[in-house]
Amino acid sequence: MKKKADMNMVGVLLVTFIGVIVALAIFTGGITGQVGQSTNLGFKNATYANSTTNGYTYLDGKYVTSILVSNTSSHSTIVAGNYTIYNNILNANGELSSAIDMRAGDTAQGTTWQVAYTFQPLGYVPDAAGRSIVGLIVIFAALAIAVIALAPVLQSKILDMVR
């Protein structure tokens, strides 16, 4: 009878070990860039061609702030009345994005524009309390994995064998 109980304990420990490995793989794969992406703003400095027929030029991120647009040939700043910024719109791939419409004014049509801006990445949490919760979710997920790993070991007599 003792052998059967020992075999059951080995099976429980094996299943626990495999479960923890799978949980860690899912945990690290899902959380690797999420915390940084949800709490950090991005910055982009790019050049875009301007034309009257182009329409939207999609920008990185879902929401653009602190934008500076200049003409690359004359290095003069293009005032805000000559372009329109659209935030939280769907791009051609169906992803939440932001865009600049360079057809709003007639300044520097057909030239290349230098656009420097700060943006919120797709998974960015704009609320400070929400960003705190993202960190707590990571901590509690790690604690749950630890409890799953330790519960069968503490219930078994394995620790008695070490003493």
C-alpha atoms as a PDB file:
ATOM      1  CA  MET A   1       0.000   0.000   0.000  1.00  0.00           C
ATOM      2  CA  LYS A   2       2.890   2.343   0.716  1.00  0.00           C
ATOM      3  CA  LYS A   3       4.224   1.975  -2.835  1.00  0.00           C
ATOM      4  CA  LYS A   4       0.912   3.103  -4.320  1.00  0.00           C
ATOM      5  CA  ALA A   5       0.851   6.231  -2.130  1.00  0.00           C
ATOM      6  CA  ASP A   6       4.438   6.999  -3.121  1.00  0.00           C
ATOM      7  CA  MET A   7       3.552   6.580  -6.811  1.00  0.00           C
ATOM      8  CA  ASN A   8       0.604   8.958  -6.421  1.00  0.00           C
ATOM      9  CA  MET A   9       2.881  11.535  -4.790  1.00  0.00           C
ATOM     10  CA  VAL A  10       5.412  11.242  -7.621  1.00  0.00           C
ATOM     11  CA  GLY A  11       2.583  11.776 -10.112  1.00  0.00           C
ATOM     12  CA  VAL A  12       1.329  14.836  -8.228  1.00  0.00           C
ATOM     13  CA  LEU A  13       4.813  16.326  -8.116  1.00  0.00           C
ATOM     14  CA  LEU A  14       5.374  15.610 -11.808  1.00  0.00           C
ATOM     15  CA  VAL A  15       2.086  17.263 -12.768  1.00  0.00           C
ATOM     16  CA  THR A  16       2.923  20.215 -10.505  1.00  0.00           C
ATOM     17  CA  PHE A  17       6.361  20.575 -12.077  1.00  0.00           C
ATOM     18  CA  ILE A  18       4.935  20.530 -15.605  1.00  0.00           C
ATOM     19  CA  GLY A  19       2.172  22.945 -14.575  1.00  0.00           C
ATOM     20  CA  VAL A  20       4.669  25.415 -13.148  1.00  0.00           C
ATOM     21  CA  ILE A  21       6.844  25.238 -16.275  1.00  0.00           C
ATOM     22  CA  VAL A  22       3.812  25.913 -18.499  1.00  0.00           C
ATOM     23  CA  ALA A  23       2.610  28.726 -16.192  1.00  0.00           C
ATOM     24  CA  LEU A  24       6.048  30.371 -16.251  1.00  0.00           C
ATOM     25  CA  ALA A  25       6.217  30.105 -20.033  1.00  0.00           C
ATOM     26  CA  ILE A  26       2.820  31.757 -20.391  1.00  0.00           C
ATOM     27  CA  PHE A  27       3.615  34.314 -17.691  1.00  0.00           C
ATOM     28  CA  THR A  28       6.929  35.468 -19.153  1.00  0.00           C
ATOM     29  CA  GLY A  29       5.712  35.383 -22.732  1.00  0.00           C
ATOM     30  CA  GLY A  30       2.660  37.469 -21.978  1.00  0.00           C
ATOM     31  CA  ILE A  31       4.198  39.953 -19.586  1.00  0.00           C
ATOM     32  CA  THR A  32       7.612  40.622 -21.151  1.00  0.00           C
ATOM     33  CA  GLY A  33       6.786  43.860 -22.956  1.00  0.00           C
ATOM     34  CA  GLN A  34       3.381  44.561 -21.509  1.00  0.00           C
ATOM     35  CA  VAL A  35       4.373  46.403 -18.344  1.00  0.00           C
ATOM     36  CA  GLY A  36       6.846  48.681 -20.108  1.00  0.00           C
ATOM     37  CA  GLN A  37       4.509  49.252 -23.016  1.00  0.00           C
ATOM     38  CA  SER A  38       1.577  50.051 -20.769  1.00  0.00           C
ATOM     39  CA  THR A  39       3.475  52.520 -18.578  1.00  0.00           C
ATOM     40  CA  ASN A  40       5.965  54.296 -20.904  1.00  0.00           C
ATOM     41  CA  LEU A  41       5.322  56.896 -23.575  1.00  0.00           C
ATOM     42  CA  GLY A  42       7.077  56.587 -26.934  1.00  0.00           C
ATOM     43  CA  PHE A  43       8.891  59.230 -28.987  1.00  0.00           C
ATOM     44  CA  LYS A  44       9.223  59.276 -32.755  1.00  0.00           C
ATOM     45  CA  ASN A  45      11.052  61.550 -35.170  1.00  0.00           C
ATOM     46  CA  ALA A  46      10.230  60.649 -38.776  1.00  0.00           C
ATOM     47  CA  THR A  47       9.989  62.113 -42.261  1.00  0.00           C
ATOM     48  CA  TYR A  48       6.770  61.864 -44.290  1.00  0.00           C
ATOM     49  CA  ALA A  49       6.035  62.869 -47.868  1.00  0.00           C
ATOM     50  CA  ASN A  50       3.223  65.392 -48.203  1.00  0.00           C
ATOM     51  CA  SER A  51       0.871  65.477 -51.174  1.00  0.00           C
ATOM     52  CA  THR A  52      -2.647  66.659 -51.859  1.00  0.00           C
ATOM     53  CA  THR A  53      -3.845  63.167 -52.781  1.00  0.00           C
ATOM     54  CA  ASN A  54      -2.164  61.177 -50.033  1.00  0.00           C
ATOM     55  CA  GLY A  55      -4.812  61.459 -47.307  1.00  0.00           C
ATOM     56  CA  TYR A  56      -3.905  60.093 -43.904  1.00  0.00           C
ATOM     57  CA  THR A  57      -0.384  59.181 -42.944  1.00  0.00           C
ATOM     58  CA  TYR A  58      -0.605  56.793 -40.016  1.00  0.00           C
ATOM     59  CA  LEU A  59       1.670  57.490 -37.066  1.00  0.00           C
ATOM     60  CA  ASP A  60       2.948  55.179 -34.342  1.00  0.00           C
ATOM     61  CA  GLY A  61       0.808  54.846 -31.241  1.00  0.00           C
ATOM     62  CA  LYS A  62      -2.854  55.340 -30.540  1.00  0.00           C
ATOM     63  CA  TYR A  63      -2.692  58.906 -29.228  1.00  0.00           C
ATOM     64  CA  VAL A  64      -0.239  61.641 -30.266  1.00  0.00           C
ATOM     65  CA  THR A  65       0.815  64.494 -28.000  1.00  0.00           C
ATOM     66  CA  SER A  66       3.517  67.170 -28.153  1.00  0.00           C
ATOM     67  CA  ILE A  67       3.854  67.282 -31.931  1.00  0.00           C
ATOM     68  CA  LEU A  68       6.305  69.437 -33.900  1.00  0.00           C
ATOM     69  CA  VAL A  69       6.050  69.542 -37.707  1.00  0.00           C
ATOM     70  CA  SER A  70       8.641  71.213 -39.912  1.00  0.00           C
ATOM     71  CA  ASN A  71       9.520  71.436 -43.593  1.00  0.00           C
ATOM     72  CA  THR A  72      12.641  69.359 -44.291  1.00  0.00           C
ATOM     73  CA  SER A  73      13.893  71.587 -47.114  1.00  0.00           C
ATOM     74  CA  SER A  74      13.488  75.010 -45.476  1.00  0.00           C
ATOM     75  CA  HIS A  75      13.539  73.776 -41.831  1.00  0.00           C
ATOM     76  CA  SER A  76      10.659  76.104 -41.075  1.00  0.00           C
ATOM     77  CA  THR A  77       7.982  75.079 -38.594  1.00  0.00           C
ATOM     78  CA  ILE A  78       4.611  74.286 -40.111  1.00  0.00           C
ATOM     79  CA  VAL A  79       1.803  75.745 -38.016  1.00  0.00           C
ATOM     80  CA  ALA A  80      -1.017  73.540 -36.721  1.00  0.00           C
ATOM     81  CA  GLY A  81      -3.613  74.980 -39.110  1.00  0.00           C
ATOM     82  CA  ASN A  82      -1.870  73.253 -42.035  1.00  0.00           C
ATOM     83  CA  TYR A  83      -2.393  69.700 -40.788  1.00  0.00           C
ATOM     84  CA  THR A  84      -4.895  67.750 -38.743  1.00  0.00           C
ATOM     85  CA  ILE A  85      -4.091  65.099 -36.139  1.00  0.00           C
ATOM     86  CA  TYR A  86      -6.542  62.238 -35.613  1.00  0.00           C
ATOM     87  CA  ASN A  87      -6.170  60.135 -32.465  1.00  0.00           C
ATOM     88  CA  ASN A  88      -7.691  56.739 -31.618  1.00  0.00           C
ATOM     89  CA  ILE A  89      -8.708  55.819 -35.170  1.00  0.00           C
ATOM     90  CA  LEU A  90      -8.464  52.471 -36.952  1.00  0.00           C
ATOM     91  CA  ASN A  91      -5.695  52.102 -39.517  1.00  0.00           C
ATOM     92  CA  ALA A  92      -5.796  49.937 -42.657  1.00  0.00           C
ATOM     93  CA  ASN A  93      -4.968  46.808 -40.603  1.00  0.00           C
ATOM     94  CA  GLY A  94      -7.823  47.439 -38.161  1.00  0.00           C
ATOM     95  CA  GLU A  95      -5.473  48.473 -35.331  1.00  0.00           C
ATOM     96  CA  LEU A  96      -6.030  51.479 -33.087  1.00  0.00           C
ATOM     97  CA  SER A  97      -3.759  54.229 -34.337  1.00  0.00           C
ATOM     98  CA  SER A  98      -3.249  57.944 -34.845  1.00  0.00           C
ATOM     99  CA  ALA A  99      -2.822  59.782 -38.124  1.00  0.00           C
ATOM    100  CA  ILE A 100      -1.815  63.108 -39.593  1.00  0.00           C
ATOM    101  CA  ASP A 101      -3.751  64.576 -42.507  1.00  0.00           C
ATOM    102  CA  MET A 102      -1.395  66.869 -44.414  1.00  0.00           C
ATOM    103  CA  ARG A 103      -4.105  68.153 -46.755  1.00  0.00           C
ATOM    104  CA  ALA A 104      -5.664  70.536 -44.208  1.00  0.00           C
ATOM    105  CA  GLY A 105      -3.715  73.615 -45.347  1.00  0.00           C
ATOM    106  CA  ASP A 106      -1.911  74.734 -48.439  1.00  0.00           C
ATOM    107  CA  THR A 107       1.510  75.296 -46.862  1.00  0.00           C
ATOM    108  CA  ALA A 108       4.341  73.199 -48.252  1.00  0.00           C
ATOM    109  CA  GLN A 109       2.172  70.920 -50.378  1.00  0.00           C
ATOM    110  CA  GLY A 110       4.254  68.377 -52.261  1.00  0.00           C
ATOM    111  CA  THR A 111       7.220  68.658 -49.898  1.00  0.00           C
ATOM    112  CA  THR A 112       8.598  66.389 -47.225  1.00  0.00           C
ATOM    113  CA  TRP A 113       7.689  67.036 -43.594  1.00  0.00           C
ATOM    114  CA  GLN A 114       9.712  66.208 -40.502  1.00  0.00           C
ATOM    115  CA  VAL A 115       7.316  65.117 -37.732  1.00  0.00           C
ATOM    116  CA  ALA A 116       8.527  64.730 -34.136  1.00  0.00           C
ATOM    117  CA  TYR A 117       5.965  63.619 -31.577  1.00  0.00           C
ATOM    118  CA  THR A 118       5.328  61.823 -28.313  1.00  0.00           C
ATOM    119  CA  PHE A 119       2.782  59.029 -28.454  1.00  0.00           C
ATOM    120  CA  GLN A 120       0.955  56.519 -26.305  1.00  0.00           C
ATOM    121  CA  PRO A 121       1.673  52.942 -27.435  1.00  0.00           C
ATOM    122  CA  LEU A 122      -1.261  50.669 -28.224  1.00  0.00           C
ATOM    123  CA  GLY A 123      -1.329  49.057 -24.772  1.00  0.00           C
ATOM    124  CA  TYR A 124      -0.628  52.274 -22.866  1.00  0.00           C
ATOM    125  CA  VAL A 125      -2.728  52.860 -19.747  1.00  0.00           C
ATOM    126  CA  PRO A 126      -3.264  56.643 -19.517  1.00  0.00           C
ATOM    127  CA  ASP A 127      -4.499  56.610 -15.911  1.00  0.00           C
ATOM    128  CA  ALA A 128      -1.922  56.545 -13.086  1.00  0.00           C
ATOM    129  CA  ALA A 129      -4.057  54.210 -10.969  1.00  0.00           C
ATOM    130  CA  GLY A 130      -4.411  51.843 -13.907  1.00  0.00           C
ATOM    131  CA  ARG A 131      -0.647  51.754 -14.377  1.00  0.00           C
ATOM    132  CA  SER A 132      -0.300  50.783 -10.705  1.00  0.00           C
ATOM    133  CA  ILE A 133      -2.803  47.972 -11.170  1.00  0.00           C
ATOM    134  CA  VAL A 134      -0.760  46.585 -14.081  1.00  0.00           C
ATOM    135  CA  GLY A 135       2.180  46.130 -11.724  1.00  0.00           C
ATOM    136  CA  LEU A 136      -0.020  44.487  -9.095  1.00  0.00           C
ATOM    137  CA  ILE A 137      -1.393  42.016 -11.637  1.00  0.00           C
ATOM    138  CA  VAL A 138       2.159  40.890 -12.390  1.00  0.00           C
ATOM    139  CA  ILE A 139       2.977  40.463  -8.696  1.00  0.00           C
ATOM    140  CA  PHE A 140      -0.180  38.458  -7.929  1.00  0.00           C
ATOM    141  CA  ALA A 141       0.297  36.254 -11.005  1.00  0.00           C
ATOM    142  CA  ALA A 142       3.816  35.411  -9.813  1.00  0.00           C
ATOM    143  CA  LEU A 143       2.498  34.676  -6.311  1.00  0.00           C
ATOM    144  CA  ALA A 144      -0.173  32.384  -7.754  1.00  0.00           C
ATOM    145  CA  ILE A 145       2.477  30.405  -9.635  1.00  0.00           C
ATOM    146  CA  ALA A 146       4.506  30.110  -6.418  1.00  0.00           C
ATOM    147  CA  VAL A 147       1.481  28.844  -4.454  1.00  0.00           C
ATOM    148  CA  ILE A 148       0.700  26.286  -7.169  1.00  0.00           C
ATOM    149  CA  ALA A 149       4.284  25.064  -6.941  1.00  0.00           C
ATOM    150  CA  LEU A 150       4.478  24.945  -3.161  1.00  0.00           C
ATOM    151  CA  ALA A 151       1.053  23.550  -2.220  1.00  0.00           C
ATOM    152  CA  PRO A 152       1.669  19.904  -3.234  1.00  0.00           C
ATOM    153  CA  VAL A 153       5.158  19.950  -1.736  1.00  0.00           C
ATOM    154  CA  LEU A 154       3.894  21.251   1.612  1.00  0.00           C
ATOM    155  CA  GLN A 155       1.070  18.676   1.672  1.00  0.00           C
ATOM    156  CA  SER A 156       3.430  15.796   1.027  1.00  0.00           C
ATOM    157  CA  LYS A 157       6.008  14.268   3.331  1.00  0.00           C
ATOM    158  CA  ILE A 158       8.931  15.315   1.116  1.00  0.00           C
ATOM    159  CA  LEU A 159      10.106  17.967   3.554  1.00  0.00           C
ATOM    160  CA  ASP A 160      10.222  15.317   6.309  1.00  0.00           C
ATOM    161  CA  MET A 161      12.698  13.297   4.265  1.00  0.00           C
ATOM    162  CA  VAL A 162      15.122  16.252   4.181  1.00  0.00           C
ATOM    163  CA  ARG A 163      15.130  16.735   7.953  1.00  0.00           C
END
